[in-house]
C-alpha atoms as a PDB file:
ATOM      1  CA  MET A   1      -0.753 -20.279 -65.374  1.00  0.00           C
ATOM      2  CA  GLU A   2      -1.002 -24.097 -65.546  1.00  0.00           C
ATOM      3  CA  LEU A   3       0.379 -26.660 -68.452  1.00  0.00           C
ATOM      4  CA  SER A   4      -0.985 -29.190 -69.494  1.00  0.00           C
ATOM      5  CA  LYS A   5       1.161 -32.237 -69.734  1.00  0.00           C
ATOM      6  CA  GLN A   6       3.842 -33.209 -72.258  1.00  0.00           C
ATOM      7  CA  PRO A   7       2.227 -35.671 -75.232  1.00  0.00           C
ATOM      8  CA  ALA A   8       4.519 -37.918 -75.878  1.00  0.00           C
ATOM      9  CA  GLU A   9       4.566 -37.413 -79.765  1.00  0.00           C
ATOM     10  CA  THR A  10       6.195 -33.852 -78.111  1.00  0.00           C
ATOM     11  CA  LEU A  11       8.821 -35.437 -76.235  1.00  0.00           C
ATOM     12  CA  GLN A  12       9.544 -37.618 -79.003  1.00  0.00           C
ATOM     13  CA  ARG A  13      10.376 -34.992 -81.129  1.00  0.00           C
ATOM     14  CA  SER A  14      12.211 -32.692 -78.093  1.00  0.00           C
ATOM     15  CA  ILE A  15      14.913 -36.192 -77.674  1.00  0.00           C
ATOM     16  CA  ARG A  16      15.519 -36.505 -81.485  1.00  0.00           C
ATOM     17  CA  LEU A  17      16.281 -33.140 -81.921  1.00  0.00           C
ATOM     18  CA  LEU A  18      19.529 -33.109 -78.432  1.00  0.00           C
ATOM     19  CA  GLY A  19      20.632 -35.853 -79.802  1.00  0.00           C
ATOM     20  CA  GLY A  20      19.101 -39.233 -78.930  1.00  0.00           C
ATOM     21  CA  GLY A  21      18.416 -40.981 -75.450  1.00  0.00           C
ATOM     22  CA  GLY A  22      15.968 -41.618 -73.138  1.00  0.00           C
ATOM     23  CA  PRO A  23      13.809 -39.168 -71.281  1.00  0.00           C
ATOM     24  CA  ALA A  24      15.961 -39.003 -68.221  1.00  0.00           C
ATOM     25  CA  GLU A  25      19.303 -38.007 -70.928  1.00  0.00           C
ATOM     26  CA  LEU A  26      17.293 -35.566 -72.579  1.00  0.00           C
ATOM     27  CA  ALA A  27      16.173 -33.725 -68.589  1.00  0.00           C
ATOM     28  CA  ILE A  28      19.492 -33.818 -67.689  1.00  0.00           C
ATOM     29  CA  ARG A  29      20.738 -32.151 -71.496  1.00  0.00           C
ATOM     30  CA  GLN A  30      17.584 -29.974 -70.989  1.00  0.00           C
ATOM     31  CA  ALA A  31      18.863 -29.073 -66.926  1.00  0.00           C
ATOM     32  CA  ALA A  32      22.881 -28.725 -68.220  1.00  0.00           C
ATOM     33  CA  TRP A  33      21.517 -26.091 -71.335  1.00  0.00           C
ATOM     34  CA  VAL A  34      19.188 -24.137 -68.591  1.00  0.00           C
ATOM     35  CA  ALA A  35      22.876 -23.751 -66.522  1.00  0.00           C
ATOM     36  CA  ARG A  36      24.719 -21.993 -69.272  1.00  0.00           C
ATOM     37  CA  CYS A  37      21.422 -19.966 -69.836  1.00  0.00           C
ATOM     38  CA  VAL A  38      21.153 -18.000 -66.157  1.00  0.00           C
ATOM     39  CA  GLY A  39      25.393 -17.561 -65.067  1.00  0.00           C
ATOM     40  CA  HIS A  40      28.868 -18.132 -66.006  1.00  0.00           C
ATOM     41  CA  GLY A  41      30.136 -21.436 -64.645  1.00  0.00           C
ATOM     42  CA  ASP A  42      33.608 -20.992 -63.405  1.00  0.00           C
ATOM     43  CA  ALA A  43      31.891 -18.644 -60.831  1.00  0.00           C
ATOM     44  CA  ALA A  44      29.770 -21.371 -59.193  1.00  0.00           C
ATOM     45  CA  PRO A  45      29.708 -24.534 -61.275  1.00  0.00           C
ATOM     46  CA  PHE A  46      27.135 -27.039 -60.859  1.00  0.00           C
ATOM     47  CA  THR A  47      27.233 -30.179 -59.759  1.00  0.00           C
ATOM     48  CA  PRO A  48      25.638 -33.759 -60.852  1.00  0.00           C
ATOM     49  CA  GLU A  49      23.412 -33.026 -57.664  1.00  0.00           C
ATOM     50  CA  ASP A  50      22.527 -29.592 -58.976  1.00  0.00           C
ATOM     51  CA  LEU A  51      21.660 -30.826 -62.587  1.00  0.00           C
ATOM     52  CA  SER A  52      19.598 -33.642 -60.701  1.00  0.00           C
ATOM     53  CA  ALA A  53      17.574 -31.622 -58.795  1.00  0.00           C
ATOM     54  CA  LEU A  54      17.159 -29.205 -62.280  1.00  0.00           C
ATOM     55  CA  ALA A  55      15.927 -31.482 -64.261  1.00  0.00           C
ATOM     56  CA  ALA A  56      13.712 -33.313 -62.393  1.00  0.00           C
ATOM     57  CA  SER A  57      11.668 -30.021 -61.428  1.00  0.00           C
ATOM     58  CA  LEU A  58      11.748 -28.664 -65.306  1.00  0.00           C
ATOM     59  CA  ARG A  59       8.915 -28.914 -67.544  1.00  0.00           C
ATOM     60  CA  THR A  60       8.409 -29.073 -71.483  1.00  0.00           C
ATOM     61  CA  THR A  61       5.915 -26.878 -73.293  1.00  0.00           C
ATOM     62  CA  THR A  62       5.629 -26.117 -76.961  1.00  0.00           C
ATOM     63  CA  PHE A  63       3.393 -22.934 -78.237  1.00  0.00           C
ATOM     64  CA  GLU A  64       2.011 -22.049 -82.120  1.00  0.00           C
ATOM     65  CA  ARG A  65       2.786 -19.511 -84.011  1.00  0.00           C
ATOM     66  CA  GLY A  66       0.680 -16.661 -82.660  1.00  0.00           C
ATOM     67  CA  SER A  67      -0.259 -18.423 -79.441  1.00  0.00           C
ATOM     68  CA  VAL A  68      -0.062 -15.954 -76.023  1.00  0.00           C
ATOM     69  CA  VAL A  69       2.181 -18.142 -73.785  1.00  0.00           C
ATOM     70  CA  PHE A  70       1.208 -15.583 -70.692  1.00  0.00           C
ATOM     71  CA  ARG A  71      -0.468 -12.168 -70.530  1.00  0.00           C
ATOM     72  CA  ALA A  72      -0.062  -8.920 -68.843  1.00  0.00           C
ATOM     73  CA  GLY A  73      -1.364  -9.088 -65.253  1.00  0.00           C
ATOM     74  CA  ASP A  74      -0.880 -12.748 -65.244  1.00  0.00           C
ATOM     75  CA  GLU A  75       0.254 -13.981 -61.338  1.00  0.00           C
ATOM     76  CA  ALA A  76       3.970 -14.429 -62.297  1.00  0.00           C
ATOM     77  CA  ASP A  77       4.072 -18.571 -61.058  1.00  0.00           C
ATOM     78  CA  GLY A  78       7.503 -19.293 -62.115  1.00  0.00           C
ATOM     79  CA  VAL A  79      10.214 -18.879 -64.434  1.00  0.00           C
ATOM     80  CA  TRP A  80      10.085 -19.541 -68.701  1.00  0.00           C
ATOM     81  CA  ILE A  81      13.253 -20.734 -70.288  1.00  0.00           C
ATOM     82  CA  VAL A  82      12.687 -20.054 -74.003  1.00  0.00           C
ATOM     83  CA  ARG A  83      14.338 -23.424 -76.068  1.00  0.00           C
ATOM     84  CA  SER A  84      14.081 -22.135 -79.358  1.00  0.00           C
ATOM     85  CA  GLY A  85      11.847 -20.364 -81.417  1.00  0.00           C
ATOM     86  CA  ARG A  86      11.451 -16.494 -80.493  1.00  0.00           C
ATOM     87  CA  LEU A  87       8.582 -14.839 -78.173  1.00  0.00           C
ATOM     88  CA  GLU A  88       7.538 -10.860 -78.837  1.00  0.00           C
ATOM     89  CA  LEU A  89       7.260  -9.268 -75.209  1.00  0.00           C
ATOM     90  CA  SER A  90       4.886  -6.616 -75.427  1.00  0.00           C
ATOM     91  CA  VAL A  91       2.454  -4.153 -73.175  1.00  0.00           C
ATOM     92  CA  GLY A  92      -0.918  -2.434 -74.633  1.00  0.00           C
ATOM     93  CA  ALA A  93      -2.993  -3.048 -77.983  1.00  0.00           C
ATOM     94  CA  GLY A  94      -3.863  -0.808 -81.324  1.00  0.00           C
ATOM     95  CA  SER A  95      -2.146   2.079 -81.472  1.00  0.00           C
ATOM     96  CA  LYS A  96      -0.436   2.073 -77.498  1.00  0.00           C
ATOM     97  CA  ARG A  97       0.884  -1.503 -78.022  1.00  0.00           C
ATOM     98  CA  ALA A  98       4.716  -1.592 -77.770  1.00  0.00           C
ATOM     99  CA  VAL A  99       7.328  -4.033 -78.349  1.00  0.00           C
ATOM    100  CA  VAL A 100       9.217  -4.360 -75.046  1.00  0.00           C
ATOM    101  CA  HIS A 101      11.554  -7.193 -76.253  1.00  0.00           C
ATOM    102  CA  VAL A 102      11.740 -10.057 -78.440  1.00  0.00           C
ATOM    103  CA  ILE A 103      13.605 -13.154 -76.467  1.00  0.00           C
ATOM    104  CA  GLY A 104      15.110 -15.829 -78.493  1.00  0.00           C
ATOM    105  CA  PRO A 105      16.800 -18.996 -76.910  1.00  0.00           C
ATOM    106  CA  GLY A 106      18.424 -19.458 -73.769  1.00  0.00           C
ATOM    107  CA  ALA A 107      15.947 -16.428 -72.878  1.00  0.00           C
ATOM    108  CA  VAL A 108      14.906 -16.333 -69.290  1.00  0.00           C
ATOM    109  CA  ASP A 109      11.790 -14.333 -67.534  1.00  0.00           C
ATOM    110  CA  GLY A 110       8.712 -14.209 -65.181  1.00  0.00           C
ATOM    111  CA  ASP A 111      11.691 -14.722 -61.920  1.00  0.00           C
ATOM    112  CA  ILE A 112      12.034 -11.500 -61.032  1.00  0.00           C
ATOM    113  CA  GLN A 113       8.609 -10.388 -61.030  1.00  0.00           C
ATOM    114  CA  TYR A 114       7.659 -13.849 -58.789  1.00  0.00           C
ATOM    115  CA  LEU A 115      10.599 -12.996 -56.609  1.00  0.00           C
ATOM    116  CA  LEU A 116       8.995  -9.458 -56.094  1.00  0.00           C
ATOM    117  CA  GLY A 117       5.871 -10.458 -56.038  1.00  0.00           C
ATOM    118  CA  MET A 118       4.916  -8.708 -58.961  1.00  0.00           C
ATOM    119  CA  PRO A 119       2.253  -9.840 -61.897  1.00  0.00           C
ATOM    120  CA  LEU A 120       4.121 -10.167 -64.829  1.00  0.00           C
ATOM    121  CA  PRO A 121       4.446  -7.011 -66.734  1.00  0.00           C
ATOM    122  CA  TYR A 122       3.711  -7.391 -70.531  1.00  0.00           C
ATOM    123  CA  THR A 123       1.818 -10.447 -73.165  1.00  0.00           C
ATOM    124  CA  ALA A 124       4.515 -12.835 -74.494  1.00  0.00           C
ATOM    125  CA  HIS A 125       3.156 -14.513 -77.994  1.00  0.00           C
ATOM    126  CA  ALA A 126       5.244 -16.659 -80.066  1.00  0.00           C
ATOM    127  CA  LEU A 127       6.255 -15.622 -83.061  1.00  0.00           C
ATOM    128  CA  ALA A 128       7.262 -19.285 -84.163  1.00  0.00           C
ATOM    129  CA  ASP A 129       6.480 -22.578 -82.590  1.00  0.00           C
ATOM    130  CA  THR A 130       7.936 -22.430 -79.955  1.00  0.00           C
ATOM    131  CA  THR A 131       9.549 -24.726 -77.105  1.00  0.00           C
ATOM    132  CA  VAL A 132      10.140 -23.484 -73.611  1.00  0.00           C
ATOM    133  CA  LEU A 133      11.302 -24.851 -70.336  1.00  0.00           C
ATOM    134  CA  TYR A 134       9.182 -24.156 -67.227  1.00  0.00           C
ATOM    135  CA  LEU A 135      10.118 -24.021 -63.631  1.00  0.00           C
ATOM    136  CA  ASP A 136       7.199 -24.071 -61.630  1.00  0.00           C
ATOM    137  CA  GLY A 137       7.167 -21.164 -58.030  1.00  0.00           C
ATOM    138  CA  GLU A 138       7.873 -23.806 -55.651  1.00  0.00           C
ATOM    139  CA  SER A 139      10.354 -25.583 -57.236  1.00  0.00           C
ATOM    140  CA  PHE A 140      12.245 -23.072 -58.152  1.00  0.00           C
ATOM    141  CA  GLU A 141      12.242 -21.400 -54.584  1.00  0.00           C
ATOM    142  CA  GLY A 142      13.208 -24.858 -53.389  1.00  0.00           C
ATOM    143  CA  LEU A 143      16.383 -24.643 -55.700  1.00  0.00           C
ATOM    144  CA  LEU A 144      17.125 -21.303 -54.702  1.00  0.00           C
ATOM    145  CA  GLY A 145      17.035 -22.142 -51.090  1.00  0.00           C
ATOM    146  CA  LYS A 146      18.466 -25.608 -51.183  1.00  0.00           C
ATOM    147  CA  ARG A 147      21.477 -24.851 -53.827  1.00  0.00           C
ATOM    148  CA  LEU A 148      24.113 -21.909 -53.337  1.00  0.00           C
ATOM    149  CA  SER A 149      25.812 -22.939 -56.464  1.00  0.00           C
ATOM    150  CA  ILE A 150      22.094 -22.419 -57.619  1.00  0.00           C
ATOM    151  CA  ALA A 151      21.682 -19.474 -56.229  1.00  0.00           C
ATOM    152  CA  ARG A 152      24.685 -17.196 -56.994  1.00  0.00           C
ATOM    153  CA  ARG A 153      24.388 -18.701 -60.779  1.00  0.00           C
ATOM    154  CA  TRP A 154      20.902 -17.389 -60.761  1.00  0.00           C
ATOM    155  CA  LEU A 155      21.954 -13.726 -58.948  1.00  0.00           C
ATOM    156  CA  THR A 156      24.137 -14.061 -61.739  1.00  0.00           C
ATOM    157  CA  SER A 157      21.398 -13.799 -64.791  1.00  0.00           C
ATOM    158  CA  VAL A 158      19.508 -12.023 -63.225  1.00  0.00           C
ATOM    159  CA  ALA A 159      22.234  -9.052 -62.575  1.00  0.00           C
ATOM    160  CA  MET A 160      23.169  -9.626 -66.100  1.00  0.00           C
ATOM    161  CA  ARG A 161      19.493  -8.540 -67.549  1.00  0.00           C
ATOM    162  CA  LEU A 162      18.898  -5.754 -65.779  1.00  0.00           C
ATOM    163  CA  ALA A 163      22.267  -4.352 -66.783  1.00  0.00           C
ATOM    164  CA  GLU A 164      21.683  -5.546 -70.958  1.00  0.00           C
ATOM    165  CA  SER A 165      18.133  -3.726 -70.164  1.00  0.00           C
ATOM    166  CA  GLN A 166      19.617  -0.468 -68.489  1.00  0.00           C
ATOM    167  CA  GLU A 167      22.336  -0.345 -71.144  1.00  0.00           C
ATOM    168  CA  ARG A 168      19.700  -0.734 -74.414  1.00  0.00           C
ATOM    169  CA  ILE A 169      17.115   2.326 -72.928  1.00  0.00           C
ATOM    170  CA  ILE A 170      20.632   4.475 -71.972  1.00  0.00           C
ATOM    171  CA  GLY A 171      21.744   3.763 -75.879  1.00  0.00           C
ATOM    172  CA  MET A 172      18.237   4.417 -76.984  1.00  0.00           C
ATOM    173  CA  LEU A 173      18.479   7.939 -75.432  1.00  0.00           C
ATOM    174  CA  GLY A 174      19.533  11.348 -77.435  1.00  0.00           C
ATOM    175  CA  ARG A 175      20.221   9.948 -80.124  1.00  0.00           C
ATOM    176  CA  SER A 176      17.941  10.255 -84.009  1.00  0.00           C
ATOM    177  CA  LEU A 177      15.915   7.600 -85.729  1.00  0.00           C
ATOM    178  CA  THR A 178      18.219   6.850 -88.345  1.00  0.00           C
ATOM    179  CA  GLU A 179      20.392   5.965 -84.969  1.00  0.00           C
ATOM    180  CA  GLN A 180      17.985   4.111 -83.436  1.00  0.00           C
ATOM    181  CA  ILE A 181      17.010   1.741 -85.937  1.00  0.00           C
ATOM    182  CA  ALA A 182      20.200   1.422 -87.104  1.00  0.00           C
ATOM    183  CA  ARG A 183      21.347   0.238 -83.645  1.00  0.00           C
ATOM    184  CA  ILE A 184      17.800  -2.056 -83.176  1.00  0.00           C
ATOM    185  CA  LEU A 185      18.762  -3.784 -86.444  1.00  0.00           C
ATOM    186  CA  LEU A 186      22.284  -4.635 -85.306  1.00  0.00           C
ATOM    187  CA  GLU A 187      20.519  -5.978 -81.932  1.00  0.00           C
ATOM    188  CA  GLU A 188      18.463  -7.653 -82.995  1.00  0.00           C
ATOM    189  CA  ALA A 189      20.475  -9.512 -85.630  1.00  0.00           C
ATOM    190  CA  VAL A 190      20.974 -13.382 -86.309  1.00  0.00           C
ATOM    191  CA  ASP A 191      23.391 -14.345 -88.152  1.00  0.00           C
ATOM    192  CA  GLY A 192      23.624 -11.100 -89.897  1.00  0.00           C
ATOM    193  CA  ALA A 193      19.440 -10.971 -90.417  1.00  0.00           C
ATOM    194  CA  VAL A 194      16.774  -9.388 -88.624  1.00  0.00           C
ATOM    195  CA  PRO A 195      14.093 -12.267 -88.994  1.00  0.00           C
ATOM    196  CA  LEU A 196      10.717  -9.718 -87.344  1.00  0.00           C
ATOM    197  CA  PRO A 197       8.508  -8.121 -89.403  1.00  0.00           C
ATOM    198  CA  GLN A 198       8.847  -3.909 -89.690  1.00  0.00           C
ATOM    199  CA  ARG A 199       5.248  -4.062 -87.457  1.00  0.00           C
ATOM    200  CA  THR A 200       7.185  -5.475 -84.625  1.00  0.00           C
ATOM    201  CA  LEU A 201      10.231  -3.281 -85.005  1.00  0.00           C
ATOM    202  CA  ALA A 202       8.464   0.188 -85.711  1.00  0.00           C
ATOM    203  CA  ALA A 203       6.231  -1.118 -81.702  1.00  0.00           C
ATOM    204  CA  MET A 204       9.734  -2.145 -80.592  1.00  0.00           C
ATOM    205  CA  LEU A 205      10.864   1.666 -80.990  1.00  0.00           C
ATOM    206  CA  GLY A 206       7.390   3.558 -80.598  1.00  0.00           C
ATOM    207  CA  VAL A 207       7.884   5.012 -83.743  1.00  0.00           C
ATOM    208  CA  GLN A 208       4.670   4.781 -86.607  1.00  0.00           C
ATOM    209  CA  ARG A 209       6.163   2.181 -89.656  1.00  0.00           C
ATOM    210  CA  PRO A 210       5.883   4.920 -92.268  1.00  0.00           C
ATOM    211  CA  SER A 211       8.576   6.654 -90.910  1.00  0.00           C
ATOM    212  CA  LEU A 212      10.234   2.847 -90.279  1.00  0.00           C
ATOM    213  CA  ASN A 213       9.733   2.564 -93.788  1.00  0.00           C
ATOM    214  CA  LYS A 214      11.492   5.615 -95.553  1.00  0.00           C
ATOM    215  CA  THR A 215      14.172   4.721 -93.581  1.00  0.00           C
ATOM    216  CA  LEU A 216      14.886   1.408 -93.767  1.00  0.00           C
ATOM    217  CA  LYS A 217      14.388   2.087 -97.744  1.00  0.00           C
ATOM    218  CA  GLU A 218      16.541   4.767 -97.808  1.00  0.00           C
ATOM    219  CA  PHE A 219      19.088   1.868 -96.311  1.00  0.00           C
ATOM    220  CA  GLU A 220      18.185   0.152 -98.599  1.00  0.00           C
ATOM    221  CA  ARG A 221      19.170   2.470-101.723  1.00  0.00           C
ATOM    222  CA  ASN A 222      22.886   2.272 -99.844  1.00  0.00           C
ATOM    223  CA  GLY A 223      23.524  -0.713 -99.968  1.00  0.00           C
ATOM    224  CA  LEU A 224      23.297  -1.443 -95.949  1.00  0.00           C
ATOM    225  CA  ILE A 225      20.215  -3.631 -96.012  1.00  0.00           C
ATOM    226  CA  LYS A 226      17.682  -5.613 -97.711  1.00  0.00           C
ATOM    227  CA  VAL A 227      14.753  -5.872 -96.987  1.00  0.00           C
ATOM    228  CA  ARG A 228      11.917  -9.208 -97.508  1.00  0.00           C
ATOM    229  CA  TYR A 229       9.190 -10.567 -96.180  1.00  0.00           C
ATOM    230  CA  GLY A 230       9.100 -10.432 -92.122  1.00  0.00           C
ATOM    231  CA  ALA A 231      13.076 -10.067 -92.778  1.00  0.00           C
ATOM    232  CA  ILE A 232      16.083  -7.706 -92.769  1.00  0.00           C
ATOM    233  CA  ASP A 233      18.892  -9.276 -94.162  1.00  0.00           C
ATOM    234  CA  LEU A 234      22.220  -6.580 -93.122  1.00  0.00           C
ATOM    235  CA  LEU A 235      24.690  -6.289 -96.069  1.00  0.00           C
ATOM    236  CA  ASP A 236      27.314  -3.570 -94.380  1.00  0.00           C
ATOM    237  CA  ILE A 237      27.479  -3.671 -90.386  1.00  0.00           C
ATOM    238  CA  ASP A 238      30.050  -1.980 -90.746  1.00  0.00           C
ATOM    239  CA  ARG A 239      28.829   1.614 -92.122  1.00  0.00           C
ATOM    240  CA  LEU A 240      25.157   0.526 -89.665  1.00  0.00           C
ATOM    241  CA  THR A 241      27.508   0.430 -86.509  1.00  0.00           C
ATOM    242  CA  ALA A 242      28.696   3.740 -87.984  1.00  0.00           C
ATOM    243  CA  MET A 243      25.352   5.112 -88.363  1.00  0.00           C
ATOM    244  CA  SER A 244      24.224   3.646 -84.608  1.00  0.00           C
ATOM    245  CA  GLY A 245      26.499   6.124 -82.782  1.00  0.00           C
END
């Protein structure tokens, strides 16, 4: 996917958000942050040279709320790392639309499809103004081929994400709708609240919105949650955990 060059004002805003410094310093801090996103440092610590190589390859871009970051069927031509904001990953359209996942800061995507030569399986929409770091395919392959510590860290990241996806699927199998809703609320909570509209939660569960709304109202009557516009506050995490099975 072709990315336009980052506007100067966006770069300066990013520098302010990350604590000041010049573009080179910002790039190194971003590279260090990406390193934390893709594995455990004690297993394969990054050297200063690793960070410099990664920093030289990263490109930053921002997407307004509602924008499409990439589409299902697009060629996987690089790696995306969410720096801030949230992306909704979905397949299908209309009544057949399903949300596969919602990812936030630190999430990595596109690398598995790139390595396997597969098209992207879902469309990514920005749920809020979102900043992403992008690593093009040629740079990605170069880093993996020339720097063992980066390759080992990235392998850890891929394995962890695949294991989490498998655990998520298995965790939903054979559970009642009430259990599934309690579980997804706990999984998607950020600081005690789920920052997702009900339509997104319904799509993630593959159920009709009225069915979800009925259960959420029951949860609210029982003092488990508080529903507000575009979000749900979790009031009793212990009881929700018990209900999630």
